[in-house]
Amino acid sequence: MKKSVLTRYRVMAYVTGVLLILLCLGMIGKYLLDMSGAETFTSVIGIAHGWLYVLYLVFAFDLGTKAKWSIGKLAWLLLAGTIPTAAFFVERKATRELEPLVTDDTAPAEA
């Protein structure tokens, strides 16, 4: 598997995870603390998380299929972007498992 496949998944896992945490904090500010500006914040972060989660799904599916993971493991990888902080833990576990299988993208092709 190419290193770029793992790298783009890792980037999107962190982006999705951070946005989901921000969204949860915004919801707390909006509904529990009745903070001014929280409604706009949650709207913007919610839209960003939603669109970037779709990109995360594409990259996670690509990673899972190239790693030839089972449906259950792939489902957990895909759902990790919907559970606050889960994306960080799943990303670390996936990276530890797949790093030995990664090949360098810049290595010259053998003739």
C-alpha atoms as a PDB file:
ATOM      1  CA  MET A   1       0.000   0.000   0.000  1.00  0.00           C
ATOM      2  CA  LYS A   2       1.257   3.485  -0.820  1.00  0.00           C
ATOM      3  CA  LYS A   3       2.166   5.860   1.961  1.00  0.00           C
ATOM      4  CA  SER A   4      -0.125   8.542   0.501  1.00  0.00           C
ATOM      5  CA  VAL A   5      -3.199   6.349   1.119  1.00  0.00           C
ATOM      6  CA  LEU A   6      -2.411   6.157   4.831  1.00  0.00           C
ATOM      7  CA  THR A   7      -1.352   9.816   5.053  1.00  0.00           C
ATOM      8  CA  ARG A   8      -4.520  11.246   3.555  1.00  0.00           C
ATOM      9  CA  TYR A   9      -6.643   9.019   5.807  1.00  0.00           C
ATOM     10  CA  ARG A  10      -4.674  10.185   8.856  1.00  0.00           C
ATOM     11  CA  VAL A  11      -5.078  13.865   7.931  1.00  0.00           C
ATOM     12  CA  MET A  12      -8.820  13.506   7.431  1.00  0.00           C
ATOM     13  CA  ALA A  13      -9.187  11.505  10.657  1.00  0.00           C
ATOM     14  CA  TYR A  14      -7.611  14.344  12.638  1.00  0.00           C
ATOM     15  CA  VAL A  15      -9.567  17.070  10.806  1.00  0.00           C
ATOM     16  CA  THR A  16     -12.844  15.195  11.284  1.00  0.00           C
ATOM     17  CA  GLY A  17     -12.069  14.474  14.937  1.00  0.00           C
ATOM     18  CA  VAL A  18     -11.196  18.088  15.754  1.00  0.00           C
ATOM     19  CA  LEU A  19     -14.278  19.426  13.982  1.00  0.00           C
ATOM     20  CA  LEU A  20     -16.500  16.954  15.811  1.00  0.00           C
ATOM     21  CA  ILE A  21     -15.082  18.022  19.174  1.00  0.00           C
ATOM     22  CA  LEU A  22     -15.607  21.676  18.236  1.00  0.00           C
ATOM     23  CA  LEU A  23     -19.158  20.849  17.181  1.00  0.00           C
ATOM     24  CA  CYS A  24     -19.857  19.181  20.533  1.00  0.00           C
ATOM     25  CA  LEU A  25     -18.447  22.184  22.387  1.00  0.00           C
ATOM     26  CA  GLY A  26     -20.578  24.479  20.239  1.00  0.00           C
ATOM     27  CA  MET A  27     -23.688  22.441  21.032  1.00  0.00           C
ATOM     28  CA  ILE A  28     -22.931  22.686  24.740  1.00  0.00           C
ATOM     29  CA  GLY A  29     -22.500  26.434  24.377  1.00  0.00           C
ATOM     30  CA  LYS A  30     -25.690  26.752  22.343  1.00  0.00           C
ATOM     31  CA  TYR A  31     -28.072  24.543  24.312  1.00  0.00           C
ATOM     32  CA  LEU A  32     -26.700  24.340  27.851  1.00  0.00           C
ATOM     33  CA  LEU A  33     -24.935  27.655  28.322  1.00  0.00           C
ATOM     34  CA  ASP A  34     -27.100  29.745  25.953  1.00  0.00           C
ATOM     35  CA  MET A  35     -23.998  31.543  24.654  1.00  0.00           C
ATOM     36  CA  SER A  36     -24.252  34.382  22.180  1.00  0.00           C
ATOM     37  CA  GLY A  37     -22.798  33.425  18.793  1.00  0.00           C
ATOM     38  CA  ALA A  38     -22.906  29.699  19.499  1.00  0.00           C
ATOM     39  CA  GLU A  39     -25.689  29.165  16.977  1.00  0.00           C
ATOM     40  CA  THR A  40     -23.610  30.585  14.128  1.00  0.00           C
ATOM     41  CA  PHE A  41     -20.539  28.681  15.318  1.00  0.00           C
ATOM     42  CA  THR A  42     -22.357  25.350  15.407  1.00  0.00           C
ATOM     43  CA  SER A  43     -23.898  26.007  12.015  1.00  0.00           C
ATOM     44  CA  VAL A  44     -20.536  26.702  10.364  1.00  0.00           C
ATOM     45  CA  ILE A  45     -18.697  23.868  12.123  1.00  0.00           C
ATOM     46  CA  GLY A  46     -21.576  21.453  11.477  1.00  0.00           C
ATOM     47  CA  ILE A  47     -21.549  22.141   7.753  1.00  0.00           C
ATOM     48  CA  ALA A  48     -17.746  21.872   7.595  1.00  0.00           C
ATOM     49  CA  HIS A  49     -17.765  18.605   9.547  1.00  0.00           C
ATOM     50  CA  GLY A  50     -20.522  17.177   7.361  1.00  0.00           C
ATOM     51  CA  TRP A  51     -18.741  17.847   4.077  1.00  0.00           C
ATOM     52  CA  LEU A  52     -15.321  16.831   5.355  1.00  0.00           C
ATOM     53  CA  TYR A  53     -16.781  13.673   6.885  1.00  0.00           C
ATOM     54  CA  VAL A  54     -17.844  12.631   3.382  1.00  0.00           C
ATOM     55  CA  LEU A  55     -14.230  13.065   2.259  1.00  0.00           C
ATOM     56  CA  TYR A  56     -13.116  11.120   5.346  1.00  0.00           C
ATOM     57  CA  LEU A  57     -15.467   8.291   4.342  1.00  0.00           C
ATOM     58  CA  VAL A  58     -13.930   8.125   0.868  1.00  0.00           C
ATOM     59  CA  PHE A  59     -10.372   8.010   2.215  1.00  0.00           C
ATOM     60  CA  ALA A  60     -11.221   5.561   5.013  1.00  0.00           C
ATOM     61  CA  PHE A  61     -13.005   3.246   2.589  1.00  0.00           C
ATOM     62  CA  ASP A  62     -10.034   3.412   0.223  1.00  0.00           C
ATOM     63  CA  LEU A  63      -7.663   2.563   3.079  1.00  0.00           C
ATOM     64  CA  GLY A  64      -9.829  -0.280   4.389  1.00  0.00           C
ATOM     65  CA  THR A  65     -10.285  -1.897   1.008  1.00  0.00           C
ATOM     66  CA  LYS A  66      -6.587  -1.660   0.134  1.00  0.00           C
ATOM     67  CA  ALA A  67      -5.741  -3.166   3.530  1.00  0.00           C
ATOM     68  CA  LYS A  68      -8.298  -5.935   2.803  1.00  0.00           C
ATOM     69  CA  TRP A  69     -10.012  -5.484   6.147  1.00  0.00           C
ATOM     70  CA  SER A  70     -13.198  -7.287   7.129  1.00  0.00           C
ATOM     71  CA  ILE A  71     -16.573  -5.545   6.897  1.00  0.00           C
ATOM     72  CA  GLY A  72     -16.727  -5.103  10.675  1.00  0.00           C
ATOM     73  CA  LYS A  73     -13.315  -3.492  10.893  1.00  0.00           C
ATOM     74  CA  LEU A  74     -14.099  -1.273   7.903  1.00  0.00           C
ATOM     75  CA  ALA A  75     -17.436  -0.244   9.450  1.00  0.00           C
ATOM     76  CA  TRP A  76     -15.681   0.751  12.691  1.00  0.00           C
ATOM     77  CA  LEU A  77     -13.171   2.782  10.657  1.00  0.00           C
ATOM     78  CA  LEU A  78     -16.008   4.568   8.842  1.00  0.00           C
ATOM     79  CA  LEU A  79     -18.072   5.240  11.982  1.00  0.00           C
ATOM     80  CA  ALA A  80     -15.127   6.608  13.960  1.00  0.00           C
ATOM     81  CA  GLY A  81     -15.729  10.049  12.444  1.00  0.00           C
ATOM     82  CA  THR A  82     -19.141  10.270  14.106  1.00  0.00           C
ATOM     83  CA  ILE A  83     -18.088   9.560  17.700  1.00  0.00           C
ATOM     84  CA  PRO A  84     -16.225  12.372  19.482  1.00  0.00           C
ATOM     85  CA  THR A  85     -12.530  11.441  19.992  1.00  0.00           C
ATOM     86  CA  ALA A  86     -12.962   7.973  18.420  1.00  0.00           C
ATOM     87  CA  ALA A  87     -11.264   9.073  15.196  1.00  0.00           C
ATOM     88  CA  PHE A  88      -8.031   9.723  17.110  1.00  0.00           C
ATOM     89  CA  PHE A  89      -7.926   6.269  18.706  1.00  0.00           C
ATOM     90  CA  VAL A  90      -8.950   4.401  15.559  1.00  0.00           C
ATOM     91  CA  GLU A  91      -6.408   6.350  13.510  1.00  0.00           C
ATOM     92  CA  ARG A  92      -3.584   5.386  15.884  1.00  0.00           C
ATOM     93  CA  LYS A  93      -4.594   1.730  15.837  1.00  0.00           C
ATOM     94  CA  ALA A  94      -4.896   1.658  12.046  1.00  0.00           C
ATOM     95  CA  THR A  95      -1.543   3.400  11.608  1.00  0.00           C
ATOM     96  CA  ARG A  96       0.238   0.967  13.931  1.00  0.00           C
ATOM     97  CA  GLU A  97      -1.234  -1.959  12.044  1.00  0.00           C
ATOM     98  CA  LEU A  98      -0.598  -0.662   8.530  1.00  0.00           C
ATOM     99  CA  GLU A  99       2.717   1.180   8.839  1.00  0.00           C
ATOM    100  CA  PRO A 100       4.791  -1.990   8.280  1.00  0.00           C
ATOM    101  CA  LEU A 101       2.870  -2.592   5.026  1.00  0.00           C
ATOM    102  CA  VAL A 102       3.404   0.902   3.621  1.00  0.00           C
ATOM    103  CA  THR A 103       5.674   1.416   0.613  1.00  0.00           C
ATOM    104  CA  ASP A 104       7.397   4.663  -0.294  1.00  0.00           C
ATOM    105  CA  ASP A 105       5.567   6.639  -3.018  1.00  0.00           C
ATOM    106  CA  THR A 106       8.792   8.134  -4.353  1.00  0.00           C
ATOM    107  CA  ALA A 107      10.656   4.856  -4.843  1.00  0.00           C
ATOM    108  CA  PRO A 108      11.554   4.339  -8.512  1.00  0.00           C
ATOM    109  CA  ALA A 109       9.634   1.627 -10.321  1.00  0.00           C
ATOM    110  CA  GLU A 110      11.677  -1.457 -11.044  1.00  0.00           C
ATOM    111  CA  ALA A 111      12.045  -2.455 -14.675  1.00  0.00           C
END
